C-alpha atoms as a PDB file:
ATOM      1  CA  MET A   1       7.270  37.981 -70.592  1.00  0.00           C
ATOM      2  CA  LYS A   2      10.052  39.953 -68.902  1.00  0.00           C
ATOM      3  CA  LYS A   3       9.446  43.375 -70.446  1.00  0.00           C
ATOM      4  CA  VAL A   4       8.794  45.182 -73.691  1.00  0.00           C
ATOM      5  CA  ASP A   5      12.200  44.922 -75.347  1.00  0.00           C
ATOM      6  CA  HIS A   6      11.591  47.157 -78.353  1.00  0.00           C
ATOM      7  CA  ILE A   7       9.096  48.469 -80.880  1.00  0.00           C
ATOM      8  CA  GLY A   8       9.738  47.648 -84.536  1.00  0.00           C
ATOM      9  CA  ILE A   9       8.876  50.356 -87.068  1.00  0.00           C
ATOM     10  CA  ALA A  10       8.757  49.570 -90.796  1.00  0.00           C
ATOM     11  CA  VAL A  11      10.343  52.211 -93.039  1.00  0.00           C
ATOM     12  CA  ARG A  12      11.045  52.381 -96.749  1.00  0.00           C
ATOM     13  CA  ASN A  13      14.447  54.061 -96.437  1.00  0.00           C
ATOM     14  CA  LEU A  14      16.578  54.342 -93.289  1.00  0.00           C
ATOM     15  CA  ASN A  15      18.692  57.183 -94.646  1.00  0.00           C
ATOM     16  CA  GLU A  16      15.599  59.319 -95.196  1.00  0.00           C
ATOM     17  CA  VAL A  17      13.994  58.738 -91.785  1.00  0.00           C
ATOM     18  CA  LEU A  18      17.029  58.575 -89.480  1.00  0.00           C
ATOM     19  CA  PRO A  19      17.401  62.385 -89.205  1.00  0.00           C
ATOM     20  CA  TYR A  20      13.872  62.588 -87.770  1.00  0.00           C
ATOM     21  CA  TYR A  21      14.783  60.236 -84.920  1.00  0.00           C
ATOM     22  CA  THR A  22      18.336  61.464 -84.313  1.00  0.00           C
ATOM     23  CA  ASP A  23      18.111  65.193 -85.066  1.00  0.00           C
ATOM     24  CA  THR A  24      14.465  66.153 -84.574  1.00  0.00           C
ATOM     25  CA  LEU A  25      13.691  63.836 -81.635  1.00  0.00           C
ATOM     26  CA  GLY A  26      17.278  63.790 -80.322  1.00  0.00           C
ATOM     27  CA  CYS A  27      17.427  60.006 -79.870  1.00  0.00           C
ATOM     28  CA  PRO A  28      20.885  58.447 -80.214  1.00  0.00           C
ATOM     29  CA  LEU A  29      21.544  55.986 -83.027  1.00  0.00           C
ATOM     30  CA  LEU A  30      23.132  52.930 -81.431  1.00  0.00           C
ATOM     31  CA  LYS A  31      24.034  50.971 -84.577  1.00  0.00           C
ATOM     32  CA  ILE A  32      22.844  49.745 -87.952  1.00  0.00           C
ATOM     33  CA  GLU A  33      22.944  46.084 -88.922  1.00  0.00           C
ATOM     34  CA  ASP A  34      21.735  43.858 -91.752  1.00  0.00           C
ATOM     35  CA  VAL A  35      19.739  40.830 -90.625  1.00  0.00           C
ATOM     36  CA  GLU A  36      19.843  38.487 -93.593  1.00  0.00           C
ATOM     37  CA  SER A  37      17.542  35.902 -91.978  1.00  0.00           C
ATOM     38  CA  GLN A  38      14.770  38.528 -91.819  1.00  0.00           C
ATOM     39  CA  LYS A  39      15.818  40.352 -95.016  1.00  0.00           C
ATOM     40  CA  VAL A  40      15.985  43.724 -93.249  1.00  0.00           C
ATOM     41  CA  ARG A  41      18.457  46.461 -92.385  1.00  0.00           C
ATOM     42  CA  VAL A  42      17.879  47.538 -88.789  1.00  0.00           C
ATOM     43  CA  ALA A  43      18.741  50.830 -87.123  1.00  0.00           C
ATOM     44  CA  PHE A  44      18.719  50.641 -83.328  1.00  0.00           C
ATOM     45  CA  ILE A  45      17.512  53.877 -81.710  1.00  0.00           C
ATOM     46  CA  ASP A  46      17.743  54.605 -77.978  1.00  0.00           C
ATOM     47  CA  ALA A  47      14.469  56.246 -76.992  1.00  0.00           C
ATOM     48  CA  GLY A  48      15.229  56.380 -73.271  1.00  0.00           C
ATOM     49  CA  ASN A  49      13.271  53.657 -71.528  1.00  0.00           C
ATOM     50  CA  ILE A  50      12.791  51.599 -74.708  1.00  0.00           C
ATOM     51  CA  LYS A  51      14.582  50.889 -77.952  1.00  0.00           C
ATOM     52  CA  LEU A  52      13.140  51.454 -81.393  1.00  0.00           C
ATOM     53  CA  GLU A  53      14.144  49.244 -84.298  1.00  0.00           C
ATOM     54  CA  LEU A  54      13.676  50.899 -87.655  1.00  0.00           C
ATOM     55  CA  LEU A  55      13.260  48.131 -90.238  1.00  0.00           C
ATOM     56  CA  GLU A  56      14.119  48.732 -93.886  1.00  0.00           C
ATOM     57  CA  PRO A  57      13.462  45.794 -96.248  1.00  0.00           C
ATOM     58  CA  LEU A  58      16.520  44.513 -98.107  1.00  0.00           C
ATOM     59  CA  ASP A  59      14.396  43.285-101.012  1.00  0.00           C
ATOM     60  CA  ASP A  60      10.797  42.994-102.194  1.00  0.00           C
ATOM     61  CA  THR A  61      10.399  39.469-100.760  1.00  0.00           C
ATOM     62  CA  SER A  62      10.966  40.632 -97.190  1.00  0.00           C
ATOM     63  CA  ALA A  63       7.998  40.379 -94.815  1.00  0.00           C
ATOM     64  CA  VAL A  64       8.624  44.042 -93.976  1.00  0.00           C
ATOM     65  CA  ALA A  65       8.412  44.992 -97.679  1.00  0.00           C
ATOM     66  CA  LYS A  66       5.079  43.193 -97.916  1.00  0.00           C
ATOM     67  CA  PHE A  67       3.898  44.937 -94.746  1.00  0.00           C
ATOM     68  CA  ILE A  68       4.801  48.372 -96.160  1.00  0.00           C
ATOM     69  CA  GLU A  69       3.129  47.558 -99.476  1.00  0.00           C
ATOM     70  CA  LYS A  70      -0.083  46.557 -97.695  1.00  0.00           C
ATOM     71  CA  ARG A  71      -0.186  49.010 -94.767  1.00  0.00           C
ATOM     72  CA  GLY A  72       2.451  51.663 -95.380  1.00  0.00           C
ATOM     73  CA  GLU A  73       5.229  52.700 -93.040  1.00  0.00           C
ATOM     74  CA  GLY A  74       4.582  52.552 -89.314  1.00  0.00           C
ATOM     75  CA  ILE A  75       4.583  50.326 -86.260  1.00  0.00           C
ATOM     76  CA  HIS A  76       5.331  46.792 -87.378  1.00  0.00           C
ATOM     77  CA  HIS A  77       5.637  44.846 -84.111  1.00  0.00           C
ATOM     78  CA  ILE A  78       6.084  44.977 -80.357  1.00  0.00           C
ATOM     79  CA  ALA A  79       8.794  42.721 -78.937  1.00  0.00           C
ATOM     80  CA  PHE A  80       8.734  41.095 -75.521  1.00  0.00           C
ATOM     81  CA  GLY A  81      11.970  40.020 -73.898  1.00  0.00           C
ATOM     82  CA  VAL A  82      11.814  36.377 -72.788  1.00  0.00           C
ATOM     83  CA  GLU A  83      14.077  33.750 -71.303  1.00  0.00           C
ATOM     84  CA  ASP A  84      14.160  30.271 -72.895  1.00  0.00           C
ATOM     85  CA  ILE A  85      12.332  31.252 -76.058  1.00  0.00           C
ATOM     86  CA  GLU A  86      11.683  27.667 -77.200  1.00  0.00           C
ATOM     87  CA  GLN A  87       9.957  26.846 -73.895  1.00  0.00           C
ATOM     88  CA  ARG A  88       7.879  30.043 -74.105  1.00  0.00           C
ATOM     89  CA  MET A  89       6.884  29.164 -77.678  1.00  0.00           C
ATOM     90  CA  ALA A  90       5.748  25.702 -76.530  1.00  0.00           C
ATOM     91  CA  GLU A  91       3.698  27.226 -73.694  1.00  0.00           C
ATOM     92  CA  LEU A  92       2.012  29.643 -76.081  1.00  0.00           C
ATOM     93  CA  ARG A  93       1.197  26.832 -78.534  1.00  0.00           C
ATOM     94  CA  GLU A  94      -0.328  24.831 -75.664  1.00  0.00           C
ATOM     95  CA  ASN A  95      -2.568  27.853 -75.017  1.00  0.00           C
ATOM     96  CA  GLY A  96      -3.755  27.905 -78.628  1.00  0.00           C
ATOM     97  CA  VAL A  97      -1.505  30.689 -79.922  1.00  0.00           C
ATOM     98  CA  LYS A  98      -0.384  30.285 -83.527  1.00  0.00           C
ATOM     99  CA  LEU A  99       3.257  31.181 -84.203  1.00  0.00           C
ATOM    100  CA  LEU A 100       4.770  32.152 -87.541  1.00  0.00           C
ATOM    101  CA  SER A 101       7.617  29.614 -87.235  1.00  0.00           C
ATOM    102  CA  GLU A 102       8.268  26.259 -85.593  1.00  0.00           C
ATOM    103  CA  HIS A 103      11.500  27.422 -83.949  1.00  0.00           C
ATOM    104  CA  ALA A 104      13.197  30.667 -83.020  1.00  0.00           C
ATOM    105  CA  ASN A 105      15.366  32.286 -85.701  1.00  0.00           C
ATOM    106  CA  PRO A 106      18.373  34.603 -85.564  1.00  0.00           C
ATOM    107  CA  GLY A 107      17.312  38.237 -85.260  1.00  0.00           C
ATOM    108  CA  ALA A 108      18.869  41.648 -84.847  1.00  0.00           C
ATOM    109  CA  GLY A 109      21.492  42.274 -82.193  1.00  0.00           C
ATOM    110  CA  GLY A 110      22.331  38.576 -81.838  1.00  0.00           C
ATOM    111  CA  ALA A 111      18.923  37.734 -80.383  1.00  0.00           C
ATOM    112  CA  MET A 112      16.812  34.681 -81.141  1.00  0.00           C
ATOM    113  CA  VAL A 113      13.311  35.703 -82.209  1.00  0.00           C
ATOM    114  CA  ALA A 114       9.891  34.271 -82.991  1.00  0.00           C
ATOM    115  CA  PHE A 115       6.653  35.965 -83.978  1.00  0.00           C
ATOM    116  CA  LEU A 116       3.094  35.331 -82.826  1.00  0.00           C
ATOM    117  CA  HIS A 117       0.558  35.288 -85.634  1.00  0.00           C
ATOM    118  CA  PRO A 118      -1.516  38.497 -85.513  1.00  0.00           C
ATOM    119  CA  LYS A 119      -4.721  36.426 -85.827  1.00  0.00           C
ATOM    120  CA  SER A 120      -3.876  34.935 -82.422  1.00  0.00           C
ATOM    121  CA  SER A 121      -3.092  38.349 -80.937  1.00  0.00           C
ATOM    122  CA  ASN A 122      -6.044  40.555 -81.808  1.00  0.00           C
ATOM    123  CA  GLY A 123      -4.363  41.917 -84.927  1.00  0.00           C
ATOM    124  CA  VAL A 124      -1.017  42.822 -83.297  1.00  0.00           C
ATOM    125  CA  LEU A 125       2.256  41.248 -84.437  1.00  0.00           C
ATOM    126  CA  TYR A 126       4.201  40.368 -81.295  1.00  0.00           C
ATOM    127  CA  GLU A 127       7.792  39.188 -81.260  1.00  0.00           C
ATOM    128  CA  LEU A 128       9.460  37.054 -78.619  1.00  0.00           C
ATOM    129  CA  CYS A 129      13.079  38.115 -78.194  1.00  0.00           C
ATOM    130  CA  GLU A 130      15.737  36.205 -76.263  1.00  0.00           C
ATOM    131  CA  LYS A 131      19.031  38.058 -75.966  1.00  0.00           C
ATOM    132  CA  GLN A 132      22.053  35.768 -75.983  1.00  0.00           C
END
């Protein structure tokens, strides 16, 4: 793992929560993007030494929608920056870590992403993130 790349935060409505991050906390909004493969709209927030990704579900079938329904809004995942994501996934599997997909998938900001199953990570959803 190279570094913590970002923290993903599940929200019901980006338009309602963005002023808290941009106005109240004074963090710049970098951009907003729809990630169809994950069924989310993502707002990228610059929080100084780390980025925050606010994740709004695009529909009720989104994993983020299910997360919010079960747990409410809040921290969804922590993402680690990696190089050669497929190799890192294979190494983790060899060490008994269950992943949520066989291969990396397109994610926000043009990255390839994969998630570790929370049951393999002491209840925390971790994301592997390889920037292209």
